[in-house]
Protein backbone atom coordinates (compact mmCIF):
# COMPACT_ATOMS: atom_id res chain seq x y z
CA UNK A 1 66.77 77.67 85.69
CA UNK A 2 64.63 75.22 87.70
CA UNK A 3 64.55 77.52 90.74
CA UNK A 4 63.44 80.45 88.54
CA UNK A 5 60.58 78.93 86.54
CA UNK A 6 58.40 82.00 86.96
CA UNK A 7 61.06 84.08 85.21
CA UNK A 8 61.03 81.97 82.04
CA UNK A 9 59.49 83.83 79.13
CA UNK A 10 59.69 81.06 76.54
CA UNK A 11 61.49 77.86 75.63
CA UNK A 12 62.42 76.97 72.08
CA UNK A 13 63.46 73.46 71.10
CA UNK A 14 65.04 73.04 67.67
CA UNK A 15 64.84 69.49 66.35
CA UNK A 16 64.97 67.76 62.95
CA UNK A 17 61.81 67.45 60.86
CA UNK A 18 60.82 63.93 61.92
CA UNK A 19 60.73 64.47 65.69
CA UNK A 20 59.18 67.91 65.21
CA UNK A 21 56.28 66.28 63.39
CA UNK A 22 56.03 63.22 65.63
CA UNK A 23 56.50 64.60 69.15
CA UNK A 24 56.72 68.36 68.80
CA UNK A 25 53.08 69.39 69.00
CA UNK A 26 51.86 71.45 71.97
CA UNK A 27 51.20 69.19 74.96
CA UNK A 28 47.59 68.17 75.43
CA UNK A 29 46.21 65.51 77.72
CA UNK A 30 43.92 63.15 75.84
CA UNK A 31 42.31 59.79 76.71
CA UNK A 32 45.71 58.25 77.53
CA UNK A 33 47.77 60.81 79.49
CA UNK A 34 50.74 58.46 79.85
CA UNK A 35 51.17 58.05 76.09
CA UNK A 36 50.53 61.76 75.54
CA UNK A 37 53.39 62.57 77.94
CA UNK A 38 55.74 59.91 76.58
CA UNK A 39 55.45 61.32 73.08
CA UNK A 40 55.73 65.02 73.87
CA UNK A 41 58.83 67.17 73.72
CA UNK A 42 57.07 70.05 75.54
CA UNK A 43 56.16 67.70 78.40
CA UNK A 44 59.55 66.04 78.77
CA UNK A 45 61.45 69.34 78.48
CA UNK A 46 59.21 70.87 81.15
CA UNK A 47 59.70 67.91 83.49
CA UNK A 48 63.47 68.01 82.99
CA UNK A 49 63.61 71.71 83.81
CA UNK A 50 61.38 71.37 86.88
CA UNK A 51 62.55 68.06 88.33
CA UNK A 52 66.11 67.87 87.04
CA UNK A 53 65.59 64.73 84.93
CA UNK A 54 62.86 62.62 83.39
CA UNK A 55 62.19 59.19 84.81
CA UNK A 56 59.50 56.51 84.91
CA UNK A 57 57.41 58.11 87.67
CA UNK A 58 57.07 61.24 85.54
CA UNK A 59 54.74 59.28 83.26
CA UNK A 60 52.24 58.45 86.00
CA UNK A 61 49.01 60.45 85.80
CA UNK A 62 49.39 62.33 89.13
CA UNK A 63 52.77 63.63 87.96
CA UNK A 64 51.54 64.36 84.44
CA UNK A 65 48.74 66.61 85.69
CA UNK A 66 51.07 68.61 87.95
CA UNK A 67 50.03 72.25 87.41
CA UNK A 68 53.63 73.48 87.49
CA UNK A 69 54.53 71.12 84.63
CA UNK A 70 51.38 71.88 82.64
CA UNK A 71 52.00 75.61 83.00
CA UNK A 72 55.57 75.33 81.74
CA UNK A 73 54.57 73.16 78.75
CA UNK A 74 52.64 76.15 77.43
CA UNK A 75 55.91 78.09 77.14
CA UNK A 76 57.63 75.37 75.08
CA UNK A 77 57.66 75.73 71.31
CA UNK A 78 59.19 73.01 69.14
CA UNK A 79 60.66 74.27 65.88
CA UNK A 80 61.95 72.28 62.94
CA UNK A 81 65.64 73.04 62.47
CA UNK A 82 66.42 73.17 58.75
CA UNK A 83 70.16 72.63 59.33
CA UNK A 84 69.64 69.35 61.22
CA UNK A 85 69.42 66.12 59.16
CA UNK A 86 65.71 65.54 58.44
CA UNK A 87 65.55 61.89 59.52
CA UNK A 88 67.90 62.24 62.47
CA UNK A 89 66.07 61.77 65.76
CA UNK A 90 68.61 62.75 68.38
CA UNK A 91 69.81 66.26 67.48
CA UNK A 92 68.30 69.02 69.60
CA UNK A 93 69.03 72.57 70.62
CA UNK A 94 67.23 74.11 73.58
CA UNK A 95 67.05 77.83 74.28
CA UNK A 96 65.45 79.13 77.46
CA UNK A 97 64.69 82.84 77.26
CA UNK A 98 64.20 84.63 80.56
CA UNK A 99 61.91 87.63 81.06
CA UNK A 100 64.98 89.81 81.76
CA UNK A 101 66.33 89.00 78.27
CA UNK A 102 69.01 86.50 79.28
CA UNK A 103 69.18 83.26 77.32
CA UNK A 104 70.46 79.81 78.19
CA UNK A 105 71.27 77.44 75.35
CA UNK A 106 72.21 73.77 75.19
CA UNK A 107 72.77 71.71 72.06
CA UNK A 108 72.85 67.92 71.99
CA UNK A 109 74.08 65.95 69.00
CA UNK A 110 74.21 62.60 70.80
CA UNK A 111 72.01 62.04 73.85
CA UNK A 112 73.41 60.39 76.96
CA UNK A 113 73.06 56.64 76.58
CA UNK A 114 73.46 56.62 72.80
CA UNK A 115 76.24 54.77 70.99
CA UNK A 116 78.03 58.08 70.43
CA UNK A 117 77.66 59.14 74.09
CA UNK A 118 77.34 55.96 76.17
CA UNK A 119 76.53 55.86 79.85
CA UNK A 120 79.48 55.52 82.18
CA UNK A 121 79.46 52.53 84.52
CA UNK A 122 78.48 54.85 87.36
CA UNK A 123 75.57 56.29 85.36
CA UNK A 124 74.47 52.75 84.51
CA UNK A 125 74.52 51.74 88.18
CA UNK A 126 72.63 54.88 89.17
CA UNK A 127 69.95 54.20 86.56
CA UNK A 128 69.73 50.55 87.63
CA UNK A 129 69.25 51.61 91.26
CA UNK A 130 66.56 54.12 90.26
CA UNK A 131 64.76 51.43 88.26
CA UNK A 132 64.91 49.06 91.22
CA UNK A 133 63.57 51.76 93.53
CA UNK A 134 60.72 52.44 91.10
CA UNK A 135 59.97 48.71 90.79
CA UNK A 136 59.09 48.48 94.50
CA UNK A 137 61.13 45.26 94.82
CA UNK A 138 62.31 46.49 98.22
CA UNK A 139 65.83 45.12 97.90
CA UNK A 140 68.42 45.86 100.56
CA UNK A 141 71.38 48.03 99.45
CA UNK A 142 73.77 45.13 100.10
CA UNK A 143 71.68 42.84 97.87
CA UNK A 144 71.63 45.49 95.14
CA UNK A 145 75.42 45.73 95.28
CA UNK A 146 75.65 41.91 95.08
CA UNK A 147 73.26 41.92 92.12
CA UNK A 148 75.38 44.48 90.29
CA UNK A 149 78.52 42.48 91.04
CA UNK A 150 76.87 39.25 89.82
CA UNK A 151 75.83 40.88 86.54
CA UNK A 152 79.32 42.33 86.09
CA UNK A 153 80.84 38.90 86.65
CA UNK A 154 78.23 37.04 84.59
CA UNK A 155 80.79 35.17 82.50
CA UNK A 156 82.44 33.84 85.65
CA UNK A 157 79.28 32.76 87.50
CA UNK A 158 78.91 29.03 88.07
CA UNK A 159 75.15 29.47 88.42
CA UNK A 160 73.33 32.33 86.66
CA UNK A 161 70.31 31.50 88.82
CA UNK A 162 72.11 33.53 91.49
CA UNK A 163 70.96 36.68 89.70
CA UNK A 164 67.27 35.77 89.87
CA UNK A 165 67.63 34.64 93.50
CA UNK A 166 69.23 37.97 94.39
CA UNK A 167 66.48 39.86 92.57
CA UNK A 168 63.90 38.11 94.77
CA UNK A 169 65.86 38.45 98.02
CA UNK A 170 64.34 40.09 101.07
CA UNK A 171 66.84 41.17 103.69
C-alpha cells in the first residue's frame, strides 16, 4: 500500500470505545505538535503506512508536518467497534479501501511487544539498535554488540559498571 498512497480512498480503524474517545479524533496540529501526534491514531496509522513503521523521529516537528503524512491523515476515520471490549486498549482492525474498490484488512488483538505477543530477541536487538542510533551516542557496531552481550550476561558480570562504560565508549 505504501507505494500506492494516491490510490487510497479511505482508511477505517476499528477500535474499542476508550481508545476511540482518547486518541481517535481527526488529526490536528495544536500548540504542541509532538503530543498531538503521539496521541493520534490517524497520525500514527498514516506514518506506518507511509514509512513502514512508527519510531521516535516520527514525533519530531519536521516529520509531523510532512505534507504526505498530513494528507493521508485526512483519509483516516477511527470508528468505535461495538464488538471489541470497551476498556480494552489494544484491539484494532484496519481496513484500507483503494479507489479501484479493493480492500486490505488487518486485525490485531495483541500488538507486537505486548505480553500476549512479545518481541523476539532479534526484534528487541533491532529496536535497541534503532534507539541507540536515534540517541546520537555514536557507538561503534562492535561496542553495540558488546553492550548487548553484557546485558544478556548481566547475572554473570563481575562488574555491572562495564555496561555504563560501554555505553560511553567512543571507538
